[in-house]
Amino acid sequence: MEPAFNGYDELSGKIALVTGGTKGAGKAIAKRLQAAGATVIITARNKPEHDDPHLHFIAADLIQPAEIDKVVREVLGKYGRLDILVNNLGGAETPGGGFAALTAEDWELSLRTNLLAPVGLDSRFLPQMIERGSGVIIHIASIQGKLPLHDSTLPYAAAKAGLINYSKGLSKEVAPKGVRVLTVSPGWIMTESSQRMMERISKSSNITIEEATQSVMHALGGIPMGRPAQPEDVAELVGFLVSPRASYLTGTEFIIDGGTIPTV
């Protein structure tokens, strides 16, 4: 599915970095910013399956501070500045089973991946944004920051809640200096890995993929829109938020979950 944006070059001349930019929402965000005219850099631990000559790829494991430094050096060394930072990297790789199944290493991995990596990149790229008096930072969080699943992804949810809080605090500090900071909190996104999960559930439970999808939505408490998000849905929101059209928006969390969260 290609981005719906038919574009004008509203991001022409801008340099953008998207972490976790080779798959899922990160890949869609990178394409969306590229379609709007930005020069886009992506990072991930592994190279994308298909090289895109229009995207500059940097291999990096951002849970390591030295790898964060490497990315910053390469971006600033090659392009001289960064205008847009999309902290999309995230993941929940801890075991299910609640608090008793979790080790100190599980907690540390989740915190480094989902909170400390964005903090590290922000702190290194912010000085040059502040010096120029412009820049946009997007933190991709999750509705689990408000709706934690204690039996499966407690460290992930706690880290994303921390990211949301940190993002708000950072925005208050740097907005007067010309830098906008925003949070995007998606619900369930139908990525390639989610599609593979639906196939596994379908096979193991002897049900259709559609029934498997409905069962997951039911476990989430329902999605009033009747479907998971597509990566392009999230990318379109990010594309707007980093654009000049959103120049008065900062310090806000934008939830994109098809209505999943049941409260105000």
Protein backbone atom coordinates (compact mmCIF):
# COMPACT_ATOMS: atom_id res chain seq x y z
CA MET A 1 0.00 0.00 0.00
CA GLU A 2 1.58 3.26 -1.10
CA PRO A 3 1.24 6.50 0.88
CA ALA A 4 -1.91 8.46 0.06
CA PHE A 5 0.05 11.72 0.02
CA ASN A 6 0.24 13.01 -3.55
CA GLY A 7 2.54 15.74 -2.49
CA TYR A 8 3.99 19.01 -2.88
CA ASP A 9 7.50 19.60 -1.65
CA GLU A 10 6.60 21.00 1.78
CA LEU A 11 9.65 19.28 3.29
CA SER A 12 12.01 20.15 0.45
CA GLY A 13 15.48 20.90 1.79
CA LYS A 14 14.80 19.25 5.16
CA ILE A 15 17.01 16.51 6.57
CA ALA A 16 15.09 13.81 8.46
CA LEU A 17 16.15 10.77 10.49
CA VAL A 18 13.74 7.88 11.15
CA THR A 19 14.90 5.23 13.60
CA GLY A 20 13.66 1.70 13.06
CA GLY A 21 13.03 2.84 9.52
CA THR A 22 13.33 -0.43 7.60
CA LYS A 23 10.04 -2.07 8.61
CA GLY A 24 6.46 -1.38 9.60
CA ALA A 25 5.47 2.13 10.59
CA GLY A 26 9.07 3.34 10.40
CA LYS A 27 9.36 2.29 6.78
CA ALA A 28 6.05 3.98 5.94
CA ILE A 29 7.09 7.16 7.74
CA ALA A 30 10.37 7.29 5.86
CA LYS A 31 8.54 6.94 2.52
CA ARG A 32 6.01 9.60 3.51
CA LEU A 33 8.70 12.15 4.43
CA GLN A 34 10.60 11.33 1.26
CA ALA A 35 7.42 11.88 -0.79
CA ALA A 36 7.14 15.36 0.76
CA GLY A 37 10.64 16.25 -0.46
CA ALA A 38 12.81 15.52 2.58
CA THR A 39 16.22 13.88 2.48
CA VAL A 40 15.64 10.83 4.67
CA ILE A 41 18.09 8.79 6.73
CA ILE A 42 16.99 5.53 8.32
CA THR A 43 18.58 3.40 11.02
CA ALA A 44 18.09 -0.19 12.10
CA ARG A 45 20.25 -3.07 13.27
CA ASN A 46 19.90 -4.84 9.93
CA LYS A 47 19.83 -3.59 6.35
CA PRO A 48 16.44 -3.37 4.65
CA GLU A 49 15.49 -6.34 2.47
CA HIS A 50 15.38 -4.10 -0.58
CA ASP A 51 17.79 -1.20 -0.95
CA ASP A 52 16.26 2.18 -1.71
CA PRO A 53 18.82 4.49 -3.33
CA HIS A 54 16.79 7.48 -2.12
CA LEU A 55 17.21 6.55 1.56
CA HIS A 56 20.52 6.79 3.41
CA PHE A 57 20.83 3.72 5.67
CA ILE A 58 22.95 3.60 8.81
CA ALA A 59 23.31 0.25 10.56
CA ALA A 60 23.08 0.85 14.31
CA ASP A 61 21.93 -0.82 17.50
CA LEU A 62 20.66 2.22 19.36
CA ILE A 63 20.49 0.56 22.77
CA GLN A 64 24.27 1.09 22.79
CA PRO A 65 25.37 4.69 23.54
CA ALA A 66 28.40 4.29 21.26
CA GLU A 67 26.08 3.40 18.38
CA ILE A 68 24.01 6.53 19.05
CA ASP A 69 27.21 8.56 18.84
CA LYS A 70 28.06 6.86 15.53
CA VAL A 71 24.70 7.80 14.01
CA VAL A 72 25.03 11.42 15.15
CA ARG A 73 28.54 11.71 13.74
CA GLU A 74 27.53 10.23 10.40
CA VAL A 75 24.39 12.37 10.01
CA LEU A 76 26.03 15.65 10.99
CA GLY A 77 29.24 14.79 9.15
CA LYS A 78 27.42 14.09 5.88
CA TYR A 79 24.55 16.60 6.02
CA GLY A 80 25.72 19.23 8.50
CA ARG A 81 22.44 19.33 10.40
CA LEU A 82 19.22 17.49 11.25
CA ASP A 83 15.82 19.16 10.92
CA ILE A 84 13.44 16.28 11.75
CA LEU A 85 14.02 13.41 14.18
CA VAL A 86 11.43 10.63 14.32
CA ASN A 87 12.17 8.31 17.23
CA ASN A 88 10.27 5.31 15.93
CA LEU A 89 12.50 2.56 17.34
CA GLY A 90 10.64 0.39 19.84
CA GLY A 91 9.81 -3.14 20.71
CA ALA A 92 8.45 -5.53 23.31
CA GLU A 93 10.61 -8.63 23.36
CA THR A 94 10.07 -9.62 26.98
CA PRO A 95 8.33 -12.87 27.97
CA GLY A 96 4.71 -13.07 29.05
CA GLY A 97 3.64 -14.22 32.47
CA GLY A 98 3.56 -11.03 34.50
CA PHE A 99 6.11 -9.54 36.87
CA ALA A 100 7.46 -12.88 38.12
CA ALA A 101 8.58 -13.90 34.62
CA LEU A 102 10.66 -10.75 34.14
CA THR A 103 14.35 -10.39 34.89
CA ALA A 104 16.40 -7.25 35.50
CA GLU A 105 17.80 -7.74 32.00
CA ASP A 106 14.28 -7.73 30.52
CA TRP A 107 13.53 -4.40 32.19
CA GLU A 108 16.83 -2.88 31.14
CA LEU A 109 16.41 -3.92 27.51
CA SER A 110 12.91 -2.43 27.31
CA LEU A 111 13.97 0.81 28.95
CA ARG A 112 17.03 1.18 26.73
CA THR A 113 15.07 0.44 23.54
CA ASN A 114 11.91 2.41 24.20
CA LEU A 115 13.07 5.31 26.38
CA LEU A 116 16.82 5.75 26.69
CA ALA A 117 17.60 5.46 22.96
CA PRO A 118 15.25 8.36 22.09
CA VAL A 119 16.61 10.38 25.03
CA GLY A 120 20.15 9.79 23.80
CA LEU A 121 19.41 10.86 20.25
CA ASP A 122 17.45 13.91 21.38
CA SER A 123 20.23 15.14 23.63
CA ARG A 124 22.82 14.86 20.87
CA PHE A 125 20.76 16.41 18.05
CA LEU A 126 19.03 19.14 20.02
CA PRO A 127 22.00 21.54 20.35
CA GLN A 128 22.24 22.14 16.61
CA MET A 129 18.43 22.51 16.35
CA ILE A 130 18.43 25.08 19.16
CA GLU A 131 21.36 26.91 17.60
CA ARG A 132 19.36 27.32 14.37
CA GLY A 133 16.11 27.99 16.22
CA SER A 134 14.16 25.27 14.39
CA GLY A 135 13.54 21.55 14.40
CA VAL A 136 10.91 18.89 15.06
CA ILE A 137 11.21 15.79 17.25
CA ILE A 138 8.56 13.07 17.11
CA HIS A 139 8.40 10.31 19.72
CA ILE A 140 6.47 7.21 18.65
CA ALA A 141 4.99 5.86 21.87
CA SER A 142 2.01 3.51 22.26
CA ILE A 143 -1.47 3.41 23.74
CA GLN A 144 0.04 0.89 26.15
CA GLY A 145 1.46 3.93 27.93
CA LYS A 146 -2.12 4.30 29.15
CA LEU A 147 -3.42 0.74 28.74
CA PRO A 148 -0.62 -1.59 29.95
CA LEU A 149 -0.96 -5.32 29.39
CA HIS A 150 0.50 -6.58 32.65
CA ASP A 151 0.65 -10.21 31.59
CA SER A 152 2.69 -9.68 28.43
CA THR A 153 4.35 -6.31 27.91
CA LEU A 154 4.67 -4.58 31.29
CA PRO A 155 8.24 -3.21 30.77
CA TYR A 156 7.33 -1.95 27.28
CA ALA A 157 4.23 -0.19 28.59
CA ALA A 158 6.15 1.39 31.47
CA ALA A 159 8.88 2.62 29.14
CA LYS A 160 6.36 4.12 26.71
CA ALA A 161 4.57 5.86 29.60
CA GLY A 162 7.93 7.33 30.56
CA LEU A 163 8.52 8.43 26.97
CA ILE A 164 5.18 10.25 26.87
CA ASN A 165 5.95 12.09 30.11
CA TYR A 166 9.52 12.91 29.04
CA SER A 167 8.30 14.18 25.66
CA LYS A 168 5.91 16.63 27.33
CA GLY A 169 8.59 17.91 29.69
CA LEU A 170 11.13 18.30 26.90
CA SER A 171 8.67 20.26 24.78
CA LYS A 172 8.24 22.82 27.55
CA GLU A 173 11.99 23.35 27.68
CA VAL A 174 12.77 23.63 23.98
CA ALA A 175 9.61 25.16 22.45
CA PRO A 176 10.75 28.69 23.43
CA LYS A 177 13.98 27.91 21.56
CA GLY A 178 12.20 27.05 18.31
CA VAL A 179 12.04 23.25 18.53
CA ARG A 180 8.72 21.40 18.48
CA VAL A 181 8.38 18.07 20.33
CA LEU A 182 5.36 15.80 19.80
CA THR A 183 4.24 12.29 20.69
CA VAL A 184 2.33 9.87 18.47
CA SER A 185 0.78 6.90 20.28
CA PRO A 186 -0.54 4.21 17.93
CA GLY A 187 -2.74 1.31 18.83
CA TRP A 188 -2.40 -2.01 17.05
CA ILE A 189 -0.72 -1.65 13.65
CA MET A 190 -1.01 -4.36 11.02
CA THR A 191 2.66 -4.66 10.18
CA GLU A 192 4.30 -7.59 8.42
CA SER A 193 5.12 -9.12 11.81
CA SER A 194 1.48 -8.71 12.88
CA GLN A 195 0.36 -10.42 9.68
CA ARG A 196 2.70 -13.33 10.43
CA MET A 197 1.26 -13.50 13.95
CA MET A 198 -2.27 -13.70 12.51
CA GLU A 199 -1.15 -16.55 10.28
CA ARG A 200 0.31 -18.41 13.28
CA ILE A 201 -2.88 -17.92 15.31
CA SER A 202 -4.97 -19.01 12.34
CA LYS A 203 -2.97 -22.20 11.89
CA SER A 204 -2.68 -23.13 15.57
CA SER A 205 -6.35 -22.44 16.35
CA ASN A 206 -7.74 -23.76 13.04
CA ILE A 207 -9.54 -20.49 12.30
CA THR A 208 -9.41 -18.03 9.43
CA ILE A 209 -7.02 -15.09 9.42
CA GLU A 210 -10.03 -12.78 9.67
CA GLU A 211 -11.21 -14.63 12.78
CA ALA A 212 -7.70 -14.45 14.24
CA THR A 213 -7.68 -10.70 13.66
CA GLN A 214 -11.06 -10.34 15.35
CA SER A 215 -9.84 -12.36 18.33
CA VAL A 216 -6.87 -10.04 18.85
CA MET A 217 -9.08 -6.95 18.55
CA HIS A 218 -11.41 -8.48 21.13
CA ALA A 219 -8.45 -9.06 23.48
CA LEU A 220 -7.61 -5.36 23.16
CA GLY A 221 -11.13 -4.46 24.26
CA GLY A 222 -12.29 -3.81 20.73
CA ILE A 223 -11.39 -1.33 17.99
CA PRO A 224 -14.48 0.74 17.10
CA MET A 225 -13.12 1.40 13.61
CA GLY A 226 -13.22 -2.35 13.07
CA ARG A 227 -9.64 -2.82 11.92
CA PRO A 228 -6.04 -2.34 13.00
CA ALA A 229 -4.13 0.66 11.72
CA GLN A 230 -2.09 0.37 8.55
CA PRO A 231 1.50 1.68 8.76
CA GLU A 232 0.52 4.38 6.26
CA ASP A 233 -2.14 5.69 8.67
CA VAL A 234 0.56 6.47 11.22
CA ALA A 235 2.91 7.80 8.54
CA GLU A 236 0.30 10.27 7.30
CA LEU A 237 -0.15 11.70 10.79
CA VAL A 238 3.60 12.03 11.29
CA GLY A 239 3.94 13.65 7.86
CA PHE A 240 1.47 16.33 8.89
CA LEU A 241 3.00 16.90 12.33
CA VAL A 242 6.51 17.54 11.00
CA SER A 243 5.23 19.89 8.30
CA PRO A 244 4.90 23.69 8.39
CA ARG A 245 1.13 23.16 8.54
CA ALA A 246 1.54 21.99 12.14
CA SER A 247 3.78 24.88 13.20
CA TYR A 248 1.68 25.73 16.29
CA LEU A 249 1.60 22.15 17.61
CA THR A 250 4.02 21.11 20.33
CA GLY A 251 3.93 19.22 23.61
CA THR A 252 0.90 17.19 22.57
CA GLU A 253 0.27 13.45 22.42
CA PHE A 254 -1.66 12.33 19.34
CA ILE A 255 -3.40 8.98 19.80
CA ILE A 256 -4.10 7.02 16.62
CA ASP A 257 -5.87 3.83 17.69
CA GLY A 258 -9.18 3.63 15.82
CA GLY A 259 -10.96 4.44 19.08
CA THR A 260 -9.43 1.62 21.17
CA ILE A 261 -8.88 3.63 24.36
CA PRO A 262 -12.33 3.65 25.99
CA THR A 263 -11.89 6.73 28.20
CA VAL A 264 -11.68 10.49 27.69
